[in-house]
Amino acid sequence: MGVPMAAGADTSRERIPRKSRDIVDYAPGVVVDRTDGTRPPAAGLLQPGDLVLFNSDSGDDNPTVTVDHVGVYLGADADGRRRFLSSRKTVDGPTMSDLGGASLLDGTGTYATSLHTVRRI
């Protein structure tokens, strides 16, 4: 899409930062919605290609880090479930599921309940 990736921490808003916690505030584009601590971002606002950012690691070493995982929203699958593609927490590359659960934004699974921010580039 022509948006360069940053090599490290980057607050320029011209490149996509390397770390998900930096993407939340410093990637190009706009924040579509984010949690206010009592509700997840609005599902109806999602469009394919949006970045979905999660606070999915309950064992964070640093409690001030609120986002620790990122994916790309793909849209609804044949069963109407909202799907995303994400990196793994292991070296196996992109996947539709992970050790933390299926890459679904519906229901009560890990990613559905830990969705923190939606960013559109």
PDB file of N, CA and C in Angstrom:
ATOM      1  N   MET A   1       0.810  -1.190   0.000  1.00  0.00           N
ATOM      2  CA  MET A   1       0.000   0.000   0.000  1.00  0.00           C
ATOM      3  C   MET A   1       0.853   1.253   0.000  1.00  0.00           C
ATOM      4  N   GLY A   2       2.158   1.105  -0.025  1.00  0.00           N
ATOM      5  CA  GLY A   2       3.032   2.260  -0.111  1.00  0.00           C
ATOM      6  C   GLY A   2       3.344   2.921   1.208  1.00  0.00           C
ATOM      7  N   VAL A   3       2.973   2.308   2.336  1.00  0.00           N
ATOM      8  CA  VAL A   3       3.289   2.880   3.641  1.00  0.00           C
ATOM      9  C   VAL A   3       4.520   2.163   4.169  1.00  0.00           C
ATOM     10  N   PRO A   4       5.632   2.883   4.346  1.00  0.00           N
ATOM     11  CA  PRO A   4       6.858   2.218   4.796  1.00  0.00           C
ATOM     12  C   PRO A   4       6.801   1.786   6.256  1.00  0.00           C
ATOM     13  N   MET A   5       7.528   0.740   6.560  1.00  0.00           N
ATOM     14  CA  MET A   5       7.654   0.250   7.921  1.00  0.00           C
ATOM     15  C   MET A   5       8.871   0.917   8.557  1.00  0.00           C
ATOM     16  N   ALA A   6       8.778   1.207   9.835  1.00  0.00           N
ATOM     17  CA  ALA A   6       9.900   1.781  10.573  1.00  0.00           C
ATOM     18  C   ALA A   6      10.764   0.655  11.122  1.00  0.00           C
ATOM     19  N   ALA A   7      12.047   0.924  11.287  1.00  0.00           N
ATOM     20  CA  ALA A   7      12.972  -0.075  11.818  1.00  0.00           C
ATOM     21  C   ALA A   7      12.848  -0.213  13.332  1.00  0.00           C
ATOM     22  N   GLY A   8      12.394   0.795  14.012  1.00  0.00           N
ATOM     23  CA  GLY A   8      12.273   0.755  15.470  1.00  0.00           C
ATOM     24  C   GLY A   8      11.189   1.703  15.919  1.00  0.00           C
ATOM     25  N   ALA A   9      11.386   2.283  17.099  1.00  0.00           N
ATOM     26  CA  ALA A   9      10.410   3.252  17.599  1.00  0.00           C
ATOM     27  C   ALA A   9      10.374   4.439  16.650  1.00  0.00           C
ATOM     28  N   ASP A  10       9.193   4.831  16.236  1.00  0.00           N
ATOM     29  CA  ASP A  10       9.038   5.925  15.282  1.00  0.00           C
ATOM     30  C   ASP A  10       7.750   6.664  15.619  1.00  0.00           C
ATOM     31  N   THR A  11       7.853   7.937  15.888  1.00  0.00           N
ATOM     32  CA  THR A  11       6.681   8.734  16.246  1.00  0.00           C
ATOM     33  C   THR A  11       6.339   9.750  15.160  1.00  0.00           C
ATOM     34  N   SER A  12       6.849   9.549  13.958  1.00  0.00           N
ATOM     35  CA  SER A  12       6.661  10.515  12.873  1.00  0.00           C
ATOM     36  C   SER A  12       5.262  10.475  12.260  1.00  0.00           C
ATOM     37  N   ARG A  13       4.545   9.378  12.435  1.00  0.00           N
ATOM     38  CA  ARG A  13       3.241   9.139  11.805  1.00  0.00           C
ATOM     39  C   ARG A  13       3.344   9.029  10.276  1.00  0.00           C
ATOM     40  N   GLU A  14       4.570   8.804   9.786  1.00  0.00           N
ATOM     41  CA  GLU A  14       4.795   8.620   8.351  1.00  0.00           C
ATOM     42  C   GLU A  14       5.100   7.169   8.011  1.00  0.00           C
ATOM     43  N   ARG A  15       5.515   6.392   8.995  1.00  0.00           N
ATOM     44  CA  ARG A  15       5.851   4.986   8.824  1.00  0.00           C
ATOM     45  C   ARG A  15       5.113   4.177   9.888  1.00  0.00           C
ATOM     46  N   ILE A  16       4.908   2.891   9.611  1.00  0.00           N
ATOM     47  CA  ILE A  16       4.288   2.016  10.603  1.00  0.00           C
ATOM     48  C   ILE A  16       5.369   1.566  11.567  1.00  0.00           C
ATOM     49  N   PRO A  17       5.248   1.910  12.853  1.00  0.00           N
ATOM     50  CA  PRO A  17       6.257   1.488  13.834  1.00  0.00           C
ATOM     51  C   PRO A  17       6.343  -0.031  13.922  1.00  0.00           C
ATOM     52  N   ARG A  18       7.474  -0.529  14.359  1.00  0.00           N
ATOM     53  CA  ARG A  18       7.705  -1.963  14.460  1.00  0.00           C
ATOM     54  C   ARG A  18       6.865  -2.613  15.550  1.00  0.00           C
ATOM     55  N   LYS A  19       6.691  -1.961  16.685  1.00  0.00           N
ATOM     56  CA  LYS A  19       6.008  -2.574  17.829  1.00  0.00           C
ATOM     57  C   LYS A  19       4.538  -2.169  17.872  1.00  0.00           C
ATOM     58  N   SER A  20       3.704  -3.154  18.218  1.00  0.00           N
ATOM     59  CA  SER A  20       2.256  -2.909  18.253  1.00  0.00           C
ATOM     60  C   SER A  20       1.899  -1.799  19.234  1.00  0.00           C
ATOM     61  N   ARG A  21       2.579  -1.711  20.352  1.00  0.00           N
ATOM     62  CA  ARG A  21       2.255  -0.658  21.326  1.00  0.00           C
ATOM     63  C   ARG A  21       2.509   0.735  20.768  1.00  0.00           C
ATOM     64  N   ASP A  22       3.422   0.846  19.783  1.00  0.00           N
ATOM     65  CA  ASP A  22       3.676   2.142  19.136  1.00  0.00           C
ATOM     66  C   ASP A  22       2.723   2.395  17.974  1.00  0.00           C
ATOM     67  N   ILE A  23       2.246   1.330  17.332  1.00  0.00           N
ATOM     68  CA  ILE A  23       1.314   1.469  16.211  1.00  0.00           C
ATOM     69  C   ILE A  23       0.037   2.171  16.664  1.00  0.00           C
ATOM     70  N   VAL A  24      -0.412   1.882  17.881  1.00  0.00           N
ATOM     71  CA  VAL A  24      -1.658   2.452  18.398  1.00  0.00           C
ATOM     72  C   VAL A  24      -1.687   3.969  18.219  1.00  0.00           C
ATOM     73  N   ASP A  25      -0.629   4.640  18.606  1.00  0.00           N
ATOM     74  CA  ASP A  25      -0.626   6.107  18.601  1.00  0.00           C
ATOM     75  C   ASP A  25       0.175   6.750  17.479  1.00  0.00           C
ATOM     76  N   TYR A  26       1.087   6.010  16.853  1.00  0.00           N
ATOM     77  CA  TYR A  26       2.026   6.664  15.941  1.00  0.00           C
ATOM     78  C   TYR A  26       2.019   6.169  14.501  1.00  0.00           C
ATOM     79  N   ALA A  27       1.152   5.246  14.141  1.00  0.00           N
ATOM     80  CA  ALA A  27       1.070   4.815  12.742  1.00  0.00           C
ATOM     81  C   ALA A  27       0.330   5.886  11.938  1.00  0.00           C
ATOM     82  N   PRO A  28       0.548   5.920  10.629  1.00  0.00           N
ATOM     83  CA  PRO A  28      -0.239   6.835   9.797  1.00  0.00           C
ATOM     84  C   PRO A  28      -1.715   6.447   9.859  1.00  0.00           C
ATOM     85  N   GLY A  29      -2.582   7.326   9.423  1.00  0.00           N
ATOM     86  CA  GLY A  29      -4.007   7.033   9.405  1.00  0.00           C
ATOM     87  C   GLY A  29      -4.710   7.552  10.633  1.00  0.00           C
ATOM     88  N   VAL A  30      -5.838   6.925  10.947  1.00  0.00           N
ATOM     89  CA  VAL A  30      -6.680   7.396  12.053  1.00  0.00           C
ATOM     90  C   VAL A  30      -7.104   6.242  12.955  1.00  0.00           C
ATOM     91  N   VAL A  31      -7.338   6.559  14.209  1.00  0.00           N
ATOM     92  CA  VAL A  31      -7.925   5.595  15.130  1.00  0.00           C
ATOM     93  C   VAL A  31      -9.425   5.595  14.864  1.00  0.00           C
ATOM     94  N   VAL A  32      -9.960   4.459  14.477  1.00  0.00           N
ATOM     95  CA  VAL A  32     -11.383   4.317  14.199  1.00  0.00           C
ATOM     96  C   VAL A  32     -12.156   4.228  15.510  1.00  0.00           C
ATOM     97  N   ASP A  33     -11.640   3.440  16.440  1.00  0.00           N
ATOM     98  CA  ASP A  33     -12.256   3.293  17.754  1.00  0.00           C
ATOM     99  C   ASP A  33     -11.248   2.608  18.667  1.00  0.00           C
ATOM    100  N   ARG A  34     -11.405   2.812  19.962  1.00  0.00           N
ATOM    101  CA  ARG A  34     -10.589   2.105  20.946  1.00  0.00           C
ATOM    102  C   ARG A  34     -11.409   1.881  22.194  1.00  0.00           C
ATOM    103  N   THR A  35     -10.977   0.923  22.981  1.00  0.00           N
ATOM    104  CA  THR A  35     -11.702   0.617  24.205  1.00  0.00           C
ATOM    105  C   THR A  35     -11.608   1.799  25.166  1.00  0.00           C
ATOM    106  N   ASP A  36     -12.647   1.959  25.959  1.00  0.00           N
ATOM    107  CA  ASP A  36     -12.597   2.954  27.027  1.00  0.00           C
ATOM    108  C   ASP A  36     -12.435   2.257  28.377  1.00  0.00           C
ATOM    109  N   GLY A  37     -12.147   0.964  28.336  1.00  0.00           N
ATOM    110  CA  GLY A  37     -11.977   0.180  29.548  1.00  0.00           C
ATOM    111  C   GLY A  37     -13.236  -0.547  29.971  1.00  0.00           C
ATOM    112  N   THR A  38     -14.395  -0.130  29.430  1.00  0.00           N
ATOM    113  CA  THR A  38     -15.647  -0.777  29.795  1.00  0.00           C
ATOM    114  C   THR A  38     -16.303  -1.471  28.613  1.00  0.00           C
ATOM    115  N   ARG A  39     -15.879  -1.133  27.394  1.00  0.00           N
ATOM    116  CA  ARG A  39     -16.458  -1.736  26.192  1.00  0.00           C
ATOM    117  C   ARG A  39     -15.369  -1.880  25.144  1.00  0.00           C
ATOM    118  N   PRO A  40     -15.495  -2.898  24.287  1.00  0.00           N
ATOM    119  CA  PRO A  40     -14.520  -3.045  23.192  1.00  0.00           C
ATOM    120  C   PRO A  40     -14.833  -2.056  22.078  1.00  0.00           C
ATOM    121  N   PRO A  41     -13.909  -1.877  21.141  1.00  0.00           N
ATOM    122  CA  PRO A  41     -14.209  -1.041  19.973  1.00  0.00           C
ATOM    123  C   PRO A  41     -15.440  -1.564  19.227  1.00  0.00           C
ATOM    124  N   ALA A  42     -16.163  -0.668  18.583  1.00  0.00           N
ATOM    125  CA  ALA A  42     -17.400  -1.022  17.885  1.00  0.00           C
ATOM    126  C   ALA A  42     -17.121  -1.901  16.671  1.00  0.00           C
ATOM    127  N   ALA A  43     -17.683  -3.091  16.658  1.00  0.00           N
ATOM    128  CA  ALA A  43     -17.457  -4.053  15.578  1.00  0.00           C
ATOM    129  C   ALA A  43     -17.994  -3.543  14.248  1.00  0.00           C
ATOM    130  N   GLY A  44     -19.070  -2.820  14.269  1.00  0.00           N
ATOM    131  CA  GLY A  44     -19.683  -2.349  13.036  1.00  0.00           C
ATOM    132  C   GLY A  44     -18.840  -1.357  12.267  1.00  0.00           C
ATOM    133  N   LEU A  45     -17.826  -0.808  12.902  1.00  0.00           N
ATOM    134  CA  LEU A  45     -16.963   0.173  12.249  1.00  0.00           C
ATOM    135  C   LEU A  45     -15.819  -0.462  11.468  1.00  0.00           C
ATOM    136  N   LEU A  46     -15.565  -1.763  11.690  1.00  0.00           N
ATOM    137  CA  LEU A  46     -14.438  -2.434  11.047  1.00  0.00           C
ATOM    138  C   LEU A  46     -14.603  -2.537   9.533  1.00  0.00           C
ATOM    139  N   GLN A  47     -13.491  -2.314   8.823  1.00  0.00           N
ATOM    140  CA  GLN A  47     -13.436  -2.526   7.380  1.00  0.00           C
ATOM    141  C   GLN A  47     -12.224  -3.389   7.076  1.00  0.00           C
ATOM    142  N   PRO A  48     -12.315  -4.260   6.055  1.00  0.00           N
ATOM    143  CA  PRO A  48     -11.150  -5.064   5.693  1.00  0.00           C
ATOM    144  C   PRO A  48      -9.922  -4.168   5.484  1.00  0.00           C
ATOM    145  N   GLY A  49      -8.805  -4.614   6.027  1.00  0.00           N
ATOM    146  CA  GLY A  49      -7.557  -3.858   5.945  1.00  0.00           C
ATOM    147  C   GLY A  49      -7.254  -3.060   7.197  1.00  0.00           C
ATOM    148  N   ASP A  50      -8.240  -2.869   8.079  1.00  0.00           N
ATOM    149  CA  ASP A  50      -7.986  -2.156   9.330  1.00  0.00           C
ATOM    150  C   ASP A  50      -6.999  -2.950  10.183  1.00  0.00           C
ATOM    151  N   LEU A  51      -6.159  -2.226  10.917  1.00  0.00           N
ATOM    152  CA  LEU A  51      -5.287  -2.865  11.898  1.00  0.00           C
ATOM    153  C   LEU A  51      -6.086  -3.058  13.173  1.00  0.00           C
ATOM    154  N   VAL A  52      -6.046  -4.266  13.723  1.00  0.00           N
ATOM    155  CA  VAL A  52      -6.709  -4.558  14.992  1.00  0.00           C
ATOM    156  C   VAL A  52      -5.609  -4.817  16.013  1.00  0.00           C
ATOM    157  N   LEU A  53      -5.658  -4.083  17.107  1.00  0.00           N
ATOM    158  CA  LEU A  53      -4.611  -4.136  18.124  1.00  0.00           C
ATOM    159  C   LEU A  53      -5.195  -4.644  19.434  1.00  0.00           C
ATOM    160  N   PHE A  54      -4.444  -5.509  20.102  1.00  0.00           N
ATOM    161  CA  PHE A  54      -4.954  -6.235  21.262  1.00  0.00           C
ATOM    162  C   PHE A  54      -4.081  -6.062  22.494  1.00  0.00           C
ATOM    163  N   ASN A  55      -4.703  -6.183  23.654  1.00  0.00           N
ATOM    164  CA  ASN A  55      -4.010  -6.354  24.919  1.00  0.00           C
ATOM    165  C   ASN A  55      -4.307  -7.785  25.343  1.00  0.00           C
ATOM    166  N   SER A  56      -3.566  -8.721  24.742  1.00  0.00           N
ATOM    167  CA  SER A  56      -3.904 -10.135  24.917  1.00  0.00           C
ATOM    168  C   SER A  56      -2.973 -10.901  25.837  1.00  0.00           C
ATOM    169  N   ASP A  57      -1.927 -10.286  26.328  1.00  0.00           N
ATOM    170  CA  ASP A  57      -0.967 -10.994  27.162  1.00  0.00           C
ATOM    171  C   ASP A  57      -1.164 -10.602  28.614  1.00  0.00           C
ATOM    172  N   SER A  58      -1.810 -11.465  29.370  1.00  0.00           N
ATOM    173  CA  SER A  58      -2.065 -11.160  30.777  1.00  0.00           C
ATOM    174  C   SER A  58      -0.792 -11.222  31.603  1.00  0.00           C
ATOM    175  N   GLY A  59       0.291 -11.737  31.033  1.00  0.00           N
ATOM    176  CA  GLY A  59       1.551 -11.842  31.756  1.00  0.00           C
ATOM    177  C   GLY A  59       2.552 -10.773  31.360  1.00  0.00           C
ATOM    178  N   ASP A  60       2.076  -9.598  30.931  1.00  0.00           N
ATOM    179  CA  ASP A  60       2.991  -8.531  30.537  1.00  0.00           C
ATOM    180  C   ASP A  60       3.969  -8.221  31.657  1.00  0.00           C
ATOM    181  N   ASP A  61       5.244  -8.068  31.276  1.00  0.00           N
ATOM    182  CA  ASP A  61       6.255  -7.674  32.248  1.00  0.00           C
ATOM    183  C   ASP A  61       6.057  -6.216  32.676  1.00  0.00           C
ATOM    184  N   ASN A  62       5.535  -5.402  31.774  1.00  0.00           N
ATOM    185  CA  ASN A  62       5.351  -3.984  32.035  1.00  0.00           C
ATOM    186  C   ASN A  62       3.858  -3.672  32.028  1.00  0.00           C
ATOM    187  N   PRO A  63       3.255  -3.396  33.183  1.00  0.00           N
ATOM    188  CA  PRO A  63       1.806  -3.174  33.236  1.00  0.00           C
ATOM    189  C   PRO A  63       1.348  -1.913  32.519  1.00  0.00           C
ATOM    190  N   THR A  64       2.255  -1.011  32.171  1.00  0.00           N
ATOM    191  CA  THR A  64       1.852   0.205  31.469  1.00  0.00           C
ATOM    192  C   THR A  64       1.691  -0.036  29.976  1.00  0.00           C
ATOM    193  N   VAL A  65       2.167  -1.172  29.474  1.00  0.00           N
ATOM    194  CA  VAL A  65       2.002  -1.509  28.058  1.00  0.00           C
ATOM    195  C   VAL A  65       0.605  -2.088  27.892  1.00  0.00           C
ATOM    196  N   THR A  66      -0.234  -1.400  27.124  1.00  0.00           N
ATOM    197  CA  THR A  66      -1.612  -1.859  26.999  1.00  0.00           C
ATOM    198  C   THR A  66      -1.846  -2.652  25.725  1.00  0.00           C
ATOM    199  N   VAL A  67      -0.994  -2.510  24.731  1.00  0.00           N
ATOM    200  CA  VAL A  67      -1.170  -3.240  23.474  1.00  0.00           C
ATOM    201  C   VAL A  67       0.063  -4.095  23.238  1.00  0.00           C
ATOM    202  N   ASP A  68      -0.163  -5.374  22.903  1.00  0.00           N
ATOM    203  CA  ASP A  68       0.965  -6.282  22.724  1.00  0.00           C
ATOM    204  C   ASP A  68       0.822  -7.190  21.512  1.00  0.00           C
ATOM    205  N   HIS A  69      -0.201  -6.966  20.681  1.00  0.00           N
ATOM    206  CA  HIS A  69      -0.411  -7.843  19.529  1.00  0.00           C
ATOM    207  C   HIS A  69      -1.176  -7.075  18.465  1.00  0.00           C
ATOM    208  N   VAL A  70      -0.889  -7.353  17.198  1.00  0.00           N
ATOM    209  CA  VAL A  70      -1.561  -6.655  16.104  1.00  0.00           C
ATOM    210  C   VAL A  70      -1.919  -7.641  14.999  1.00  0.00           C
ATOM    211  N   GLY A  71      -3.008  -7.355  14.311  1.00  0.00           N
ATOM    212  CA  GLY A  71      -3.434  -8.149  13.164  1.00  0.00           C
ATOM    213  C   GLY A  71      -4.063  -7.238  12.123  1.00  0.00           C
ATOM    214  N   VAL A  72      -4.432  -7.832  10.993  1.00  0.00           N
ATOM    215  CA  VAL A  72      -5.110  -7.107   9.922  1.00  0.00           C
ATOM    216  C   VAL A  72      -6.487  -7.734   9.750  1.00  0.00           C
ATOM    217  N   TYR A  73      -7.518  -6.915   9.862  1.00  0.00           N
ATOM    218  CA  TYR A  73      -8.890  -7.402   9.742  1.00  0.00           C
ATOM    219  C   TYR A  73      -9.160  -7.808   8.299  1.00  0.00           C
ATOM    220  N   LEU A  74      -9.712  -9.012   8.109  1.00  0.00           N
ATOM    221  CA  LEU A  74      -9.982  -9.544   6.778  1.00  0.00           C
ATOM    222  C   LEU A  74     -11.434  -9.390   6.359  1.00  0.00           C
ATOM    223  N   GLY A  75     -12.349  -9.312   7.316  1.00  0.00           N
ATOM    224  CA  GLY A  75     -13.779  -9.270   7.024  1.00  0.00           C
ATOM    225  C   GLY A  75     -14.446 -10.513   7.580  1.00  0.00           C
ATOM    226  N   ALA A  76     -15.697 -10.702   7.188  1.00  0.00           N
ATOM    227  CA  ALA A  76     -16.460 -11.854   7.674  1.00  0.00           C
ATOM    228  C   ALA A  76     -16.168 -13.086   6.827  1.00  0.00           C
ATOM    229  N   ASP A  77     -16.096 -14.233   7.487  1.00  0.00           N
ATOM    230  CA  ASP A  77     -15.898 -15.487   6.760  1.00  0.00           C
ATOM    231  C   ASP A  77     -17.251 -16.001   6.260  1.00  0.00           C
ATOM    232  N   ALA A  78     -17.282 -17.192   5.687  1.00  0.00           N
ATOM    233  CA  ALA A  78     -18.508 -17.759   5.115  1.00  0.00           C
ATOM    234  C   ALA A  78     -19.602 -17.959   6.166  1.00  0.00           C
ATOM    235  N   ASP A  79     -19.215 -18.056   7.441  1.00  0.00           N
ATOM    236  CA  ASP A  79     -20.180 -18.229   8.520  1.00  0.00           C
ATOM    237  C   ASP A  79     -20.537 -16.904   9.191  1.00  0.00           C
ATOM    238  N   GLY A  80     -20.028 -15.790   8.644  1.00  0.00           N
ATOM    239  CA  GLY A  80     -20.336 -14.478   9.194  1.00  0.00           C
ATOM    240  C   GLY A  80     -19.488 -14.069  10.379  1.00  0.00           C
ATOM    241  N   ARG A  81     -18.452 -14.852  10.693  1.00  0.00           N
ATOM    242  CA  ARG A  81     -17.573 -14.520  11.820  1.00  0.00           C
ATOM    243  C   ARG A  81     -16.480 -13.567  11.353  1.00  0.00           C
ATOM    244  N   ARG A  82     -16.185 -12.565  12.170  1.00  0.00           N
ATOM    245  CA  ARG A  82     -15.168 -11.572  11.819  1.00  0.00           C
ATOM    246  C   ARG A  82     -13.776 -12.154  12.051  1.00  0.00           C
ATOM    247  N   ARG A  83     -12.965 -12.179  10.989  1.00  0.00           N
ATOM    248  CA  ARG A  83     -11.642 -12.807  11.011  1.00  0.00           C
ATOM    249  C   ARG A  83     -10.524 -11.789  10.813  1.00  0.00           C
ATOM    250  N   PHE A  84      -9.363 -12.120  11.357  1.00  0.00           N
ATOM    251  CA  PHE A  84      -8.181 -11.307  11.110  1.00  0.00           C
ATOM    252  C   PHE A  84      -6.979 -12.217  10.925  1.00  0.00           C
ATOM    253  N   LEU A  85      -5.972 -11.699  10.288  1.00  0.00           N
ATOM    254  CA  LEU A  85      -4.702 -12.392  10.084  1.00  0.00           C
ATOM    255  C   LEU A  85      -3.703 -11.732  11.008  1.00  0.00           C
ATOM    256  N   SER A  86      -2.885 -12.523  11.668  1.00  0.00           N
ATOM    257  CA  SER A  86      -1.926 -11.918  12.589  1.00  0.00           C
ATOM    258  C   SER A  86      -0.611 -12.676  12.594  1.00  0.00           C
ATOM    259  N   SER A  87       0.354 -12.042  13.223  1.00  0.00           N
ATOM    260  CA  SER A  87       1.627 -12.706  13.437  1.00  0.00           C
ATOM    261  C   SER A  87       1.448 -13.682  14.590  1.00  0.00           C
ATOM    262  N   ARG A  88       2.321 -14.625  14.677  1.00  0.00           N
ATOM    263  CA  ARG A  88       2.283 -15.569  15.792  1.00  0.00           C
ATOM    264  C   ARG A  88       3.222 -15.092  16.867  1.00  0.00           C
ATOM    265  N   LYS A  89       3.057 -15.647  18.031  1.00  0.00           N
ATOM    266  CA  LYS A  89       3.998 -15.356  19.111  1.00  0.00           C
ATOM    267  C   LYS A  89       5.201 -16.292  19.021  1.00  0.00           C
ATOM    268  N   THR A  90       5.189 -17.157  17.999  1.00  0.00           N
ATOM    269  CA  THR A  90       6.336 -18.011  17.719  1.00  0.00           C
ATOM    270  C   THR A  90       6.851 -17.622  16.334  1.00  0.00           C
ATOM    271  N   VAL A  91       7.886 -18.265  15.855  1.00  0.00           N
ATOM    272  CA  VAL A  91       8.528 -17.864  14.600  1.00  0.00           C
ATOM    273  C   VAL A  91       7.876 -18.455  13.358  1.00  0.00           C
ATOM    274  N   ASP A  92       6.676 -19.018  13.472  1.00  0.00           N
ATOM    275  CA  ASP A  92       6.056 -19.704  12.349  1.00  0.00           C
ATOM    276  C   ASP A  92       5.376 -18.810  11.316  1.00  0.00           C
ATOM    277  N   GLY A  93       5.329 -17.517  11.536  1.00  0.00           N
ATOM    278  CA  GLY A  93       4.753 -16.610  10.553  1.00  0.00           C
ATOM    279  C   GLY A  93       3.273 -16.353  10.716  1.00  0.00           C
ATOM    280  N   PRO A  94       2.660 -15.653   9.757  1.00  0.00           N
ATOM    281  CA  PRO A  94       1.245 -15.260   9.859  1.00  0.00           C
ATOM    282  C   PRO A  94       0.323 -16.472   9.962  1.00  0.00           C
ATOM    283  N   THR A  95      -0.805 -16.264  10.623  1.00  0.00           N
ATOM    284  CA  THR A  95      -1.712 -17.368  10.868  1.00  0.00           C
ATOM    285  C   THR A  95      -3.145 -16.886  11.075  1.00  0.00           C
ATOM    286  N   MET A  96      -4.074 -17.792  10.962  1.00  0.00           N
ATOM    287  CA  MET A  96      -5.478 -17.520  11.268  1.00  0.00           C
ATOM    288  C   MET A  96      -5.823 -17.994  12.685  1.00  0.00           C
ATOM    289  N   SER A  97      -4.863 -18.504  13.413  1.00  0.00           N
ATOM    290  CA  SER A  97      -5.080 -18.867  14.813  1.00  0.00           C
ATOM    291  C   SER A  97      -3.738 -18.834  15.514  1.00  0.00           C
ATOM    292  N   ASP A  98      -3.775 -18.862  16.821  1.00  0.00           N
ATOM    293  CA  ASP A  98      -2.540 -18.750  17.572  1.00  0.00           C
ATOM    294  C   ASP A  98      -2.668 -19.528  18.872  1.00  0.00           C
ATOM    295  N   LEU A  99      -1.610 -19.497  19.632  1.00  0.00           N
ATOM    296  CA  LEU A  99      -1.617 -20.186  20.911  1.00  0.00           C
ATOM    297  C   LEU A  99      -2.694 -19.620  21.823  1.00  0.00           C
ATOM    298  N   GLY A 100      -3.030 -18.333  21.650  1.00  0.00           N
ATOM    299  CA  GLY A 100      -4.032 -17.671  22.483  1.00  0.00           C
ATOM    300  C   GLY A 100      -5.457 -17.914  22.035  1.00  0.00           C
ATOM    301  N   GLY A 101      -5.666 -18.523  20.879  1.00  0.00           N
ATOM    302  CA  GLY A 101      -7.011 -18.787  20.411  1.00  0.00           C
ATOM    303  C   GLY A 101      -7.167 -18.493  18.939  1.00  0.00           C
ATOM    304  N   ALA A 102      -8.353 -18.781  18.419  1.00  0.00           N
ATOM    305  CA  ALA A 102      -8.644 -18.543  17.009  1.00  0.00           C
ATOM    306  C   ALA A 102      -8.649 -17.044  16.716  1.00  0.00           C
ATOM    307  N   SER A 103      -8.319 -16.675  15.497  1.00  0.00           N
ATOM    308  CA  SER A 103      -8.272 -15.276  15.087  1.00  0.00           C
ATOM    309  C   SER A 103      -9.670 -14.775  14.744  1.00  0.00           C
ATOM    310  N   LEU A 104     -10.523 -14.751  15.759  1.00  0.00           N
ATOM    311  CA  LEU A 104     -11.911 -14.307  15.630  1.00  0.00           C
ATOM    312  C   LEU A 104     -12.149 -13.102  16.525  1.00  0.00           C
ATOM    313  N   LEU A 105     -12.974 -12.190  16.035  1.00  0.00           N
ATOM    314  CA  LEU A 105     -13.326 -11.018  16.832  1.00  0.00           C
ATOM    315  C   LEU A 105     -14.736 -11.121  17.397  1.00  0.00           C
ATOM    316  N   ASP A 106     -15.326 -12.311  17.323  1.00  0.00           N
ATOM    317  CA  ASP A 106     -16.671 -12.543  17.826  1.00  0.00           C
ATOM    318  C   ASP A 106     -16.622 -13.458  19.043  1.00  0.00           C
ATOM    319  N   GLY A 107     -17.624 -13.362  19.890  1.00  0.00           N
ATOM    320  CA  GLY A 107     -17.753 -14.274  21.016  1.00  0.00           C
ATOM    321  C   GLY A 107     -16.948 -13.857  22.225  1.00  0.00           C
ATOM    322  N   THR A 108     -16.486 -14.858  22.960  1.00  0.00           N
ATOM    323  CA  THR A 108     -15.798 -14.598  24.226  1.00  0.00           C
ATOM    324  C   THR A 108     -14.353 -15.092  24.218  1.00  0.00           C
ATOM    325  N   GLY A 109     -13.805 -15.346  23.021  1.00  0.00           N
ATOM    326  CA  GLY A 109     -12.425 -15.816  22.925  1.00  0.00           C
ATOM    327  C   GLY A 109     -11.411 -14.746  23.290  1.00  0.00           C
ATOM    328  N   THR A 110     -10.164 -15.161  23.337  1.00  0.00           N
ATOM    329  CA  THR A 110      -9.068 -14.275  23.726  1.00  0.00           C
ATOM    330  C   THR A 110      -9.055 -12.969  22.953  1.00  0.00           C
ATOM    331  N   TYR A 111      -9.116 -13.052  21.629  1.00  0.00           N
ATOM    332  CA  TYR A 111      -8.984 -11.840  20.830  1.00  0.00           C
ATOM    333  C   TYR A 111     -10.255 -11.001  20.815  1.00  0.00           C
ATOM    334  N   ALA A 112     -11.398 -11.630  20.881  1.00  0.00           N
ATOM    335  CA  ALA A 112     -12.658 -10.880  20.938  1.00  0.00           C
ATOM    336  C   ALA A 112     -12.726 -10.035  22.203  1.00  0.00           C
ATOM    337  N   THR A 113     -12.211 -10.568  23.297  1.00  0.00           N
ATOM    338  CA  THR A 113     -12.293  -9.851  24.568  1.00  0.00           C
ATOM    339  C   THR A 113     -11.111  -8.934  24.827  1.00  0.00           C
ATOM    340  N   SER A 114     -10.040  -9.067  24.041  1.00  0.00           N
ATOM    341  CA  SER A 114      -8.865  -8.226  24.293  1.00  0.00           C
ATOM    342  C   SER A 114      -8.629  -7.178  23.203  1.00  0.00           C
ATOM    343  N   LEU A 115      -9.584  -7.052  22.257  1.00  0.00           N
ATOM    344  CA  LEU A 115      -9.458  -6.022  21.234  1.00  0.00           C
ATOM    345  C   LEU A 115      -9.398  -4.663  21.911  1.00  0.00           C
ATOM    346  N   HIS A 116      -8.384  -3.886  21.589  1.00  0.00           N
ATOM    347  CA  HIS A 116      -8.131  -2.615  22.260  1.00  0.00           C
ATOM    348  C   HIS A 116      -8.366  -1.418  21.335  1.00  0.00           C
ATOM    349  N   THR A 117      -7.820  -1.490  20.118  1.00  0.00           N
ATOM    350  CA  THR A 117      -7.874  -0.345  19.204  1.00  0.00           C
ATOM    351  C   THR A 117      -8.023  -0.840  17.767  1.00  0.00           C
ATOM    352  N   VAL A 118      -8.748  -0.079  16.974  1.00  0.00           N
ATOM    353  CA  VAL A 118      -8.846  -0.300  15.532  1.00  0.00           C
ATOM    354  C   VAL A 118      -8.270   0.933  14.849  1.00  0.00           C
ATOM    355  N   ARG A 119      -7.284   0.725  13.973  1.00  0.00           N
ATOM    356  CA  ARG A 119      -6.641   1.828  13.274  1.00  0.00           C
ATOM    357  C   ARG A 119      -6.754   1.605  11.776  1.00  0.00           C
ATOM    358  N   ARG A 120      -7.123   2.641  11.061  1.00  0.00           N
ATOM    359  CA  ARG A 120      -7.257   2.588   9.611  1.00  0.00           C
ATOM    360  C   ARG A 120      -6.138   3.403   8.983  1.00  0.00           C
ATOM    361  N   ILE A 121      -5.389   2.751   8.075  1.00  0.00           N
ATOM    362  CA  ILE A 121      -4.272   3.433   7.409  1.00  0.00           C
ATOM    363  C   ILE A 121      -4.710   3.827   6.005  1.00  0.00           C
TER     364      ILE A 121
END
